[in-house]
Amino acid sequence: MQVSANLRQQSDALDALLARCECLVSAEAMQSAYARLAGEVNQQLAGRVPVVLAVMNGGLISAGQLLPRLDFPLELSYLHATRYRGATTGGALKWLAQPDIELAGREVLLVDDILDEGHTLAAVREWCLDAGAARVWIAVATDKQHDRKVPGLAADFCGVPVPDRYIFGEGMDYHGYFRNLPGIHALPEGE
């Protein structure tokens, strides 16, 4: 069957790519980072009964790692706003799904996989504030180290800083693949 042969070739190509990539942060180090991140969130948000919003798709993995470690009452929902839609650089923000929880007067914790330039997170934070959120906190698994961030935007809670490279794993993807990889991986320099 032609489809199966194409999928096998694609799988082989992805396996070959992964073999050339560098693991920047091990799975074990990420588990430690999530534990530390949860401790910081627990300390700040205990007693506030926040709304936690997973920012899809990448934030699904981060939220799945973080939420079981949080020891306070919270409400959970998700949102899906993207600037990428399959590309590696962003365009105009497009909302695919908005949360179904009332945000007025509530503290909100946005959970995402990465703070890169921050355009999506900045727009989502602004949307939450416009919806009446009392405060918006940002928790990310990774914070890319560069000087191209939206001015004034920073994560309140960060798992690990990462270099300014094309990275994937722990929710971040390589052309839609590898979000499920434990640890943070980077393409070889120059690719």
Protein backbone atom coordinates (compact mmCIF):
# COMPACT_ATOMS: atom_id res chain seq x y z
CA MET A 1 0.00 0.00 0.00
CA GLN A 2 1.42 3.41 -1.03
CA VAL A 3 0.31 5.23 2.14
CA SER A 4 2.11 2.73 4.35
CA ALA A 5 5.31 3.06 2.31
CA ASN A 6 5.14 6.85 2.55
CA LEU A 7 4.57 6.70 6.29
CA ARG A 8 7.49 4.30 6.69
CA GLN A 9 9.77 6.67 4.74
CA GLN A 10 8.60 9.59 6.82
CA SER A 11 9.16 7.62 10.03
CA ASP A 12 12.66 6.62 8.90
CA ALA A 13 13.49 10.24 8.04
CA LEU A 14 12.27 11.46 11.44
CA ASP A 15 14.26 8.74 13.22
CA ALA A 16 17.39 9.76 11.27
CA LEU A 17 16.82 13.41 12.18
CA LEU A 18 16.38 12.60 15.85
CA ALA A 19 19.61 10.59 15.84
CA ARG A 20 21.48 13.73 14.68
CA CYS A 21 19.88 16.03 17.24
CA GLU A 22 21.33 17.11 20.56
CA CYS A 23 19.54 16.49 23.85
CA LEU A 24 19.80 19.83 25.68
CA VAL A 25 17.78 18.89 28.76
CA SER A 26 17.31 15.27 29.81
CA ALA A 27 13.95 13.78 30.73
CA GLU A 28 15.15 13.46 34.33
CA ALA A 29 16.20 17.11 34.43
CA MET A 30 12.79 18.12 33.07
CA GLN A 31 11.04 16.12 35.80
CA SER A 32 13.13 17.98 38.38
CA ALA A 33 12.27 21.26 36.67
CA TYR A 34 8.54 20.48 36.77
CA ALA A 35 8.81 19.60 40.48
CA ARG A 36 10.59 22.90 41.23
CA LEU A 37 8.14 24.82 39.02
CA ALA A 38 5.19 23.27 40.88
CA GLY A 39 6.75 24.20 44.21
CA GLU A 40 6.99 27.83 43.11
CA VAL A 41 3.42 27.85 41.79
CA ASN A 42 2.15 26.19 44.99
CA GLN A 43 3.87 28.84 47.07
CA GLN A 44 2.41 31.75 45.06
CA LEU A 45 -1.09 30.53 44.23
CA ALA A 46 -2.16 28.48 47.26
CA GLY A 47 -5.48 29.75 48.58
CA ARG A 48 -6.28 31.76 45.44
CA VAL A 49 -8.36 29.09 43.62
CA PRO A 50 -7.07 30.11 40.19
CA VAL A 51 -8.27 29.21 36.74
CA VAL A 52 -5.51 27.24 35.01
CA LEU A 53 -5.55 27.51 31.22
CA ALA A 54 -3.44 25.12 29.17
CA VAL A 55 -2.32 26.87 25.99
CA MET A 56 -2.77 24.29 23.23
CA ASN A 57 -1.11 22.38 21.71
CA GLY A 58 2.28 22.59 23.39
CA GLY A 59 0.94 23.58 26.79
CA LEU A 60 -0.96 20.29 27.02
CA ILE A 61 2.23 18.42 27.92
CA SER A 62 3.38 21.10 30.37
CA ALA A 63 -0.04 21.22 32.05
CA GLY A 64 -0.11 17.43 32.25
CA GLN A 65 3.22 17.46 34.05
CA LEU A 66 2.44 20.43 36.30
CA LEU A 67 -1.15 19.93 37.44
CA PRO A 68 -0.74 16.66 39.40
CA ARG A 69 1.95 18.44 41.43
CA LEU A 70 -0.26 21.37 42.43
CA ASP A 71 -1.78 20.97 45.88
CA PHE A 72 -4.52 23.61 45.89
CA PRO A 73 -8.04 23.83 44.44
CA LEU A 74 -8.18 25.11 40.88
CA GLU A 75 -10.39 25.12 37.82
CA LEU A 76 -8.94 23.84 34.57
CA SER A 77 -9.73 24.72 31.00
CA TYR A 78 -7.79 25.28 27.82
CA LEU A 79 -7.47 27.70 24.98
CA HIS A 80 -6.08 27.36 21.51
CA ALA A 81 -4.69 30.48 19.91
CA THR A 82 -1.93 30.16 17.37
CA ARG A 83 0.30 32.22 15.17
CA TYR A 84 2.09 29.29 13.57
CA ARG A 85 -0.44 26.89 11.99
CA GLY A 86 2.28 24.54 10.76
CA ALA A 87 4.92 27.18 10.06
CA THR A 88 8.04 27.88 12.09
CA THR A 89 7.46 31.63 12.32
CA GLY A 90 4.35 33.38 13.48
CA GLY A 91 1.68 35.31 11.65
CA ALA A 92 -1.57 36.89 12.82
CA LEU A 93 -3.13 35.40 15.95
CA LYS A 94 -5.99 33.02 15.23
CA TRP A 95 -8.31 31.75 17.97
CA LEU A 96 -9.30 28.11 17.55
CA ALA A 97 -10.87 27.66 21.02
CA GLN A 98 -11.54 29.97 23.95
CA PRO A 99 -11.93 28.83 27.56
CA ASP A 100 -15.40 28.00 28.84
CA ILE A 101 -14.80 29.33 32.37
CA GLU A 102 -15.75 32.83 33.53
CA LEU A 103 -12.52 34.78 34.19
CA ALA A 104 -13.99 37.95 35.71
CA GLY A 105 -12.41 38.62 39.10
CA ARG A 106 -10.31 35.45 38.95
CA GLU A 107 -6.58 34.86 38.99
CA VAL A 108 -5.51 32.97 35.88
CA LEU A 109 -2.45 30.78 35.36
CA LEU A 110 -1.51 30.31 31.71
CA VAL A 111 0.53 27.13 31.19
CA ASP A 112 2.55 26.79 27.99
CA ASP A 113 5.51 24.85 26.68
CA ILE A 114 7.76 27.79 25.80
CA LEU A 115 8.18 31.51 26.06
CA ASP A 116 9.93 32.35 22.80
CA GLU A 117 9.17 35.80 21.41
CA GLY A 118 5.93 35.86 23.40
CA HIS A 119 3.48 37.33 20.89
CA THR A 120 0.91 34.57 21.45
CA LEU A 121 1.25 34.63 25.25
CA ALA A 122 1.06 38.44 25.29
CA ALA A 123 -2.14 38.38 23.22
CA VAL A 124 -3.67 35.64 25.37
CA ARG A 125 -2.73 37.47 28.58
CA GLU A 126 -4.36 40.64 27.20
CA TRP A 127 -7.48 38.68 26.23
CA CYS A 128 -7.73 37.27 29.78
CA LEU A 129 -7.38 40.74 31.29
CA ASP A 130 -10.01 42.09 28.88
CA ALA A 131 -12.28 39.24 30.05
CA GLY A 132 -11.94 40.61 33.59
CA ALA A 133 -9.18 38.45 35.07
CA ALA A 134 -7.86 40.03 38.27
CA ARG A 135 -4.34 38.85 37.50
CA VAL A 136 -2.69 36.65 34.88
CA TRP A 137 0.31 34.50 35.77
CA ILE A 138 2.44 32.72 33.17
CA ALA A 139 4.13 29.35 33.72
CA VAL A 140 6.27 27.82 30.98
CA ALA A 141 8.34 24.67 30.76
CA THR A 142 11.06 26.54 28.84
CA ASP A 143 12.14 30.13 28.33
CA LYS A 144 14.18 30.76 25.19
CA GLN A 145 17.14 33.04 25.90
CA HIS A 146 17.27 35.92 23.38
CA ASP A 147 16.43 39.60 23.13
CA ARG A 148 13.43 39.36 20.75
CA LYS A 149 10.69 39.04 23.39
CA VAL A 150 7.65 41.26 23.53
CA PRO A 151 8.71 44.20 25.74
CA GLY A 152 7.51 43.76 29.31
CA LEU A 153 6.57 40.09 28.91
CA ALA A 154 8.20 37.54 31.20
CA ALA A 155 7.23 34.20 32.66
CA ASP A 156 6.33 34.25 36.35
CA PHE A 157 7.37 30.60 36.60
CA CYS A 158 9.89 28.85 34.35
CA GLY A 159 11.08 25.26 34.25
CA VAL A 160 14.37 25.72 32.38
CA PRO A 161 16.04 28.37 30.26
CA VAL A 162 16.99 27.14 26.79
CA PRO A 163 19.34 28.51 24.13
CA ASP A 164 18.10 30.30 21.04
CA ARG A 165 17.89 27.21 18.84
CA TYR A 166 15.13 25.22 17.15
CA ILE A 167 14.04 22.95 20.01
CA PHE A 168 11.40 20.28 20.40
CA GLY A 169 10.08 17.74 22.90
CA GLU A 170 8.07 18.32 26.11
CA GLY A 171 5.23 19.81 24.04
CA MET A 172 7.28 21.64 21.41
CA ASP A 173 7.17 20.19 17.94
CA TYR A 174 9.27 19.67 14.86
CA HIS A 175 6.78 20.20 12.00
CA GLY A 176 4.02 18.62 14.09
CA TYR A 177 6.12 15.72 15.39
CA PHE A 178 8.05 14.94 18.57
CA ARG A 179 5.83 16.88 21.04
CA ASN A 180 5.70 13.64 23.00
CA LEU A 181 9.47 13.30 23.44
CA PRO A 182 10.68 13.51 27.01
CA GLY A 183 13.44 16.07 27.42
CA ILE A 184 14.37 19.04 25.25
CA HIS A 185 16.12 18.37 21.96
CA ALA A 186 17.69 20.73 19.41
CA LEU A 187 18.33 20.47 15.71
CA PRO A 188 21.99 20.35 14.77
CA GLU A 189 23.51 23.82 14.39
CA GLY A 190 22.89 25.14 10.88
CA GLU A 191 19.83 22.95 10.12
